[in-house]
Amino acid sequence: MQDDLIGAYKNFTTAKEMWDRLRFDFGETSVTRLRSLVLKFEIYMKESKNLMTEHLRIMSTMIRGLNNVGNMLFDEQQVQDVIRSLLDSCINMRQILAFNENINNFVDVNFSPSGA
C-alpha cells in the first residue's frame, strides 16, 4: 500500500475490520447493502426468548458491522437504539437506561447475567 493508504487503515485492530473497510472503500459494499444493514439495525427488536446478554451481543455485532462500512453511530444514538429495541415488557430496563446519567455509550450498558 502507498503511505497515504497505510495511514488510512492502520487504526483497525483486526484484519477483518481492515478488509471490510477496504472492501467498502473500493466498491465492494453497495449502497443497497449499506441500506440493508441500516434498516436491519433500525427495526431490530429484542426477542422475548433472548436473554439481555444475547440481545446486546446481537446489537453489538450490528453496530460493528455498520462501523465497518463507514456508518458510525454516535454514542448517544447507540444507547437510544438499545432503549428503542427493548420490548414493552422491559419498561423498567428502559427507564434505567433512559435516566441513568452514568450510561453514556453502548459499553456502559451492562446487565446482570440473569437477563431480562
C-alpha atoms as a PDB file:
ATOM      1  CA  MET A   1       0.000   0.000   0.000  1.00  0.00           C
ATOM      2  CA  GLN A   2       1.082   3.540  -0.550  1.00  0.00           C
ATOM      3  CA  ASP A   3       1.986   5.506   2.578  1.00  0.00           C
ATOM      4  CA  ASP A   4      -1.197   7.590   2.463  1.00  0.00           C
ATOM      5  CA  LEU A   5      -3.309   4.424   2.275  1.00  0.00           C
ATOM      6  CA  ILE A   6      -1.415   2.793   5.131  1.00  0.00           C
ATOM      7  CA  GLY A   7      -2.237   5.758   7.352  1.00  0.00           C
ATOM      8  CA  ALA A   8      -5.909   5.479   6.495  1.00  0.00           C
ATOM      9  CA  TYR A   9      -6.122   1.831   7.553  1.00  0.00           C
ATOM     10  CA  LYS A  10      -3.520   1.414  10.312  1.00  0.00           C
ATOM     11  CA  ASN A  11      -6.018   2.052  13.143  1.00  0.00           C
ATOM     12  CA  PHE A  12      -8.025  -1.120  12.544  1.00  0.00           C
ATOM     13  CA  THR A  13      -7.370  -3.719  15.231  1.00  0.00           C
ATOM     14  CA  THR A  14      -8.117  -6.821  13.169  1.00  0.00           C
ATOM     15  CA  ALA A  15      -7.529  -7.869   9.596  1.00  0.00           C
ATOM     16  CA  LYS A  16     -11.264  -8.454   9.181  1.00  0.00           C
ATOM     17  CA  GLU A  17     -12.096  -4.874  10.166  1.00  0.00           C
ATOM     18  CA  MET A  18      -9.473  -3.589   7.735  1.00  0.00           C
ATOM     19  CA  TRP A  19     -10.708  -5.876   4.961  1.00  0.00           C
ATOM     20  CA  ASP A  20     -14.329  -4.825   5.492  1.00  0.00           C
ATOM     21  CA  ARG A  21     -13.324  -1.169   5.243  1.00  0.00           C
ATOM     22  CA  LEU A  22     -11.142  -1.750   2.172  1.00  0.00           C
ATOM     23  CA  ARG A  23     -13.977  -3.620   0.512  1.00  0.00           C
ATOM     24  CA  PHE A  24     -16.346  -0.727   1.222  1.00  0.00           C
ATOM     25  CA  ASP A  25     -13.893   1.966   0.123  1.00  0.00           C
ATOM     26  CA  PHE A  26     -13.128   0.257  -3.158  1.00  0.00           C
ATOM     27  CA  GLY A  27     -16.660  -0.541  -4.217  1.00  0.00           C
ATOM     28  CA  GLU A  28     -17.471  -3.995  -2.896  1.00  0.00           C
ATOM     29  CA  THR A  29     -20.108  -2.777  -0.414  1.00  0.00           C
ATOM     30  CA  SER A  30     -23.031  -1.453  -2.374  1.00  0.00           C
ATOM     31  CA  VAL A  31     -25.430   1.262  -1.354  1.00  0.00           C
ATOM     32  CA  THR A  32     -28.090  -1.442  -1.235  1.00  0.00           C
ATOM     33  CA  ARG A  33     -26.020  -3.450   1.262  1.00  0.00           C
ATOM     34  CA  LEU A  34     -25.494  -0.360   3.429  1.00  0.00           C
ATOM     35  CA  ARG A  35     -29.212   0.410   3.393  1.00  0.00           C
ATOM     36  CA  SER A  36     -29.940  -3.200   4.297  1.00  0.00           C
ATOM     37  CA  LEU A  37     -27.617  -3.028   7.330  1.00  0.00           C
ATOM     38  CA  VAL A  38     -29.124   0.274   8.488  1.00  0.00           C
ATOM     39  CA  LEU A  39     -32.692  -0.976   8.082  1.00  0.00           C
ATOM     40  CA  LYS A  40     -31.932  -4.228   9.909  1.00  0.00           C
ATOM     41  CA  PHE A  41     -30.464  -2.255  12.810  1.00  0.00           C
ATOM     42  CA  GLU A  42     -33.291   0.294  12.934  1.00  0.00           C
ATOM     43  CA  ILE A  43     -36.100  -2.288  13.053  1.00  0.00           C
ATOM     44  CA  TYR A  44     -34.364  -4.834  15.287  1.00  0.00           C
ATOM     45  CA  MET A  45     -36.273  -5.655  18.479  1.00  0.00           C
ATOM     46  CA  LYS A  46     -35.279  -7.904  21.366  1.00  0.00           C
ATOM     47  CA  GLU A  47     -36.822 -11.333  21.025  1.00  0.00           C
ATOM     48  CA  SER A  48     -38.606 -12.472  24.175  1.00  0.00           C
ATOM     49  CA  LYS A  49     -36.682 -15.770  24.139  1.00  0.00           C
ATOM     50  CA  ASN A  50     -33.298 -13.992  24.244  1.00  0.00           C
ATOM     51  CA  LEU A  51     -31.595 -13.016  27.456  1.00  0.00           C
ATOM     52  CA  MET A  52     -30.426  -9.421  27.630  1.00  0.00           C
ATOM     53  CA  THR A  53     -26.801 -10.519  27.180  1.00  0.00           C
ATOM     54  CA  GLU A  54     -27.691 -12.234  23.889  1.00  0.00           C
ATOM     55  CA  HIS A  55     -29.687  -9.194  22.786  1.00  0.00           C
ATOM     56  CA  LEU A  56     -26.728  -6.898  23.464  1.00  0.00           C
ATOM     57  CA  ARG A  57     -24.349  -9.264  21.662  1.00  0.00           C
ATOM     58  CA  ILE A  58     -26.567  -9.133  18.562  1.00  0.00           C
ATOM     59  CA  MET A  59     -26.787  -5.333  18.729  1.00  0.00           C
ATOM     60  CA  SER A  60     -23.025  -5.055  19.218  1.00  0.00           C
ATOM     61  CA  THR A  61     -22.466  -7.155  16.099  1.00  0.00           C
ATOM     62  CA  MET A  62     -24.814  -4.931  14.089  1.00  0.00           C
ATOM     63  CA  ILE A  63     -23.123  -1.743  15.372  1.00  0.00           C
ATOM     64  CA  ARG A  64     -19.707  -3.152  14.480  1.00  0.00           C
ATOM     65  CA  GLY A  65     -20.992  -4.071  11.006  1.00  0.00           C
ATOM     66  CA  LEU A  66     -22.282  -0.542  10.457  1.00  0.00           C
ATOM     67  CA  ASN A  67     -18.995   0.931  11.689  1.00  0.00           C
ATOM     68  CA  ASN A  68     -17.045  -1.353   9.344  1.00  0.00           C
ATOM     69  CA  VAL A  69     -18.842   0.053   6.317  1.00  0.00           C
ATOM     70  CA  GLY A  70     -18.381   3.644   7.441  1.00  0.00           C
ATOM     71  CA  ASN A  71     -21.748   4.295   9.074  1.00  0.00           C
ATOM     72  CA  MET A  72     -20.533   5.363  12.506  1.00  0.00           C
ATOM     73  CA  LEU A  73     -23.181   5.725  15.204  1.00  0.00           C
ATOM     74  CA  PHE A  74     -22.771   8.346  17.910  1.00  0.00           C
ATOM     75  CA  ASP A  75     -22.562   7.048  21.492  1.00  0.00           C
ATOM     76  CA  GLU A  76     -25.927   8.521  22.448  1.00  0.00           C
ATOM     77  CA  GLN A  77     -27.505   7.088  19.309  1.00  0.00           C
ATOM     78  CA  GLN A  78     -26.294   3.619  20.299  1.00  0.00           C
ATOM     79  CA  VAL A  79     -27.854   3.927  23.774  1.00  0.00           C
ATOM     80  CA  GLN A  80     -31.117   5.263  22.341  1.00  0.00           C
ATOM     81  CA  ASP A  81     -31.264   2.356  19.900  1.00  0.00           C
ATOM     82  CA  VAL A  82     -30.805  -0.143  22.743  1.00  0.00           C
ATOM     83  CA  ILE A  83     -33.710   1.513  24.578  1.00  0.00           C
ATOM     84  CA  ARG A  84     -35.831   1.529  21.409  1.00  0.00           C
ATOM     85  CA  SER A  85     -35.136  -2.150  20.753  1.00  0.00           C
ATOM     86  CA  LEU A  86     -36.465  -3.327  24.118  1.00  0.00           C
ATOM     87  CA  LEU A  87     -39.899  -4.896  24.315  1.00  0.00           C
ATOM     88  CA  ASP A  88     -42.777  -3.153  26.090  1.00  0.00           C
ATOM     89  CA  SER A  89     -42.393  -5.709  28.885  1.00  0.00           C
ATOM     90  CA  CYS A  90     -38.917  -4.266  29.605  1.00  0.00           C
ATOM     91  CA  ILE A  91     -40.256  -0.904  30.817  1.00  0.00           C
ATOM     92  CA  ASN A  92     -38.091  -0.959  33.965  1.00  0.00           C
ATOM     93  CA  MET A  93     -34.953  -1.556  31.911  1.00  0.00           C
ATOM     94  CA  ARG A  94     -35.936   1.269  29.551  1.00  0.00           C
ATOM     95  CA  GLN A  95     -36.315   3.657  32.484  1.00  0.00           C
ATOM     96  CA  ILE A  96     -32.973   2.652  33.982  1.00  0.00           C
ATOM     97  CA  LEU A  97     -31.200   3.238  30.673  1.00  0.00           C
ATOM     98  CA  ALA A  98     -33.012   6.492  29.943  1.00  0.00           C
ATOM     99  CA  PHE A  99     -32.442   8.148  33.318  1.00  0.00           C
ATOM    100  CA  ASN A 100     -29.053   6.799  34.433  1.00  0.00           C
ATOM    101  CA  GLU A 101     -26.514   9.569  33.833  1.00  0.00           C
ATOM    102  CA  ASN A 102     -23.648   7.057  34.035  1.00  0.00           C
ATOM    103  CA  ILE A 103     -24.751   5.390  30.800  1.00  0.00           C
ATOM    104  CA  ASN A 104     -23.172   7.399  28.017  1.00  0.00           C
ATOM    105  CA  ASN A 105     -22.414   4.790  25.353  1.00  0.00           C
ATOM    106  CA  PHE A 106     -23.020   1.181  24.365  1.00  0.00           C
ATOM    107  CA  VAL A 107     -20.126  -0.063  26.514  1.00  0.00           C
ATOM    108  CA  ASP A 108     -21.767   1.441  29.610  1.00  0.00           C
ATOM    109  CA  VAL A 109     -24.867  -0.673  29.058  1.00  0.00           C
ATOM    110  CA  ASN A 110     -24.283  -3.562  31.462  1.00  0.00           C
ATOM    111  CA  PHE A 111     -26.883  -6.031  32.586  1.00  0.00           C
ATOM    112  CA  SER A 112     -26.942  -8.801  35.148  1.00  0.00           C
ATOM    113  CA  PRO A 113     -26.182 -12.303  33.807  1.00  0.00           C
ATOM    114  CA  SER A 114     -29.746 -13.393  34.553  1.00  0.00           C
ATOM    115  CA  GLY A 115     -31.053 -11.296  31.652  1.00  0.00           C
ATOM    116  CA  ALA A 116     -34.459  -9.699  31.386  1.00  0.00           C
END
